[in-house]
Amino acid sequence: MEAPSNAPPRVACIGEAMVELALDDVAPDVARVGFAGDTLNTAVYLKRALPEAHVAYVTRLGTDRFSERMISFMQAEGLATDLVGRSHERVPGLYAITTDRAGERSFTYWRDRSAARQLFEVEPPALEDLAGFDLVFLSAISLAIMSAEARAALLEWLPAYRAGGGRLAFDSNWRPALWPDRPTARAIIEAAWRQTDIALPSLDDELAIFGERQEGEVLARLREFGVRSGALKRGAAGPLALDGTPAGPFAPATRVIDSTAAGDSFNAAYLAARLRGLSEAECLAAGHALAARVVGARGAILPREETG
């Protein structure tokens, strides 16, 4: 449980905002255009769940019409966009979602010219811009899209930030195609876990990255990395508190249409509850409840009226 303070919390969510194409199963020549990305999804849902918070999205975009519309979308959701850098040569990444009959999603990506790949390599934004935030949230995707030099600089910056009272929340969101090889991914993700204050791993991602076979092995490794707080996301089985707090049982979602952003929305509701100072059991319940609603609709971000 976090101790609430008088000042509204300041949260910086770092990553890649992308153009989302959701294909229509009924009309195969039709696609719905939206804006999403793992940490952007979390930023949007976090701001909705905790309106008093100052939530900034930290990325780079182009100067094209899609980038302009994306910034307008962020601002309409109440996100601060002063730490969105702009590139005249690059554009946002794009991805298309398809889902199977069980609602499990698969993605096709076009992101080689993504401006977000210049994060902390070309300014703005700069790492120093993050110093005034209470919480920095990023994912393994955030780290994967950065250059090796920018990634190293961020990991080297974190100890001083945390020593000054800042906290890191991290999700090991796994996209193997973004990494040069698995050993590199494991080393970088381990380095991030070792500096994480609020851990938000998914069981399936952790098993895939580190090659373990059982939940207990994952929990033991995370403890060895120094992870003591947060939630292990386990899909329909419900989350597990990493500090050992008993919670649940958690009812599975009544309808699963599209699992896109299930983990991202869990992260948002869980973090919002933590920042409000709720109990660990309440934080887990809030995350699970929002994720259960999100998987019942297509696309990453629900209409605002459906998240209340």
Foldseek 3Di string as FASTA:
>chain_A
DADADPAAAEEEEEAAKAWEWEADPVDRVDTDIDIDDLSLLLLLLLCLLAVRHAYEYAFEAEPDPVVVVVVVVCVVSVHDDPRYHYDPQAHGKYKYWDADPQQEIDIDIDGPRHRRQCDCVDDRPHPVVCLPGQEYEYELNRLLSYDPVSLVVNLVPLVVSVVVRHAYEYEHDDDPVSHPDLVVSVVSVLSVLLRHDAYQYEPVSQCVNVVDDDPVVSLVVSVVSVHQAYWYHHAQCFIDTSNRDDEDDDHGQPAANHQAQLSSSLSSQLVSCVNVVHDNRVSRRRSNVQSSQQRRDDDNHDPSVSRD
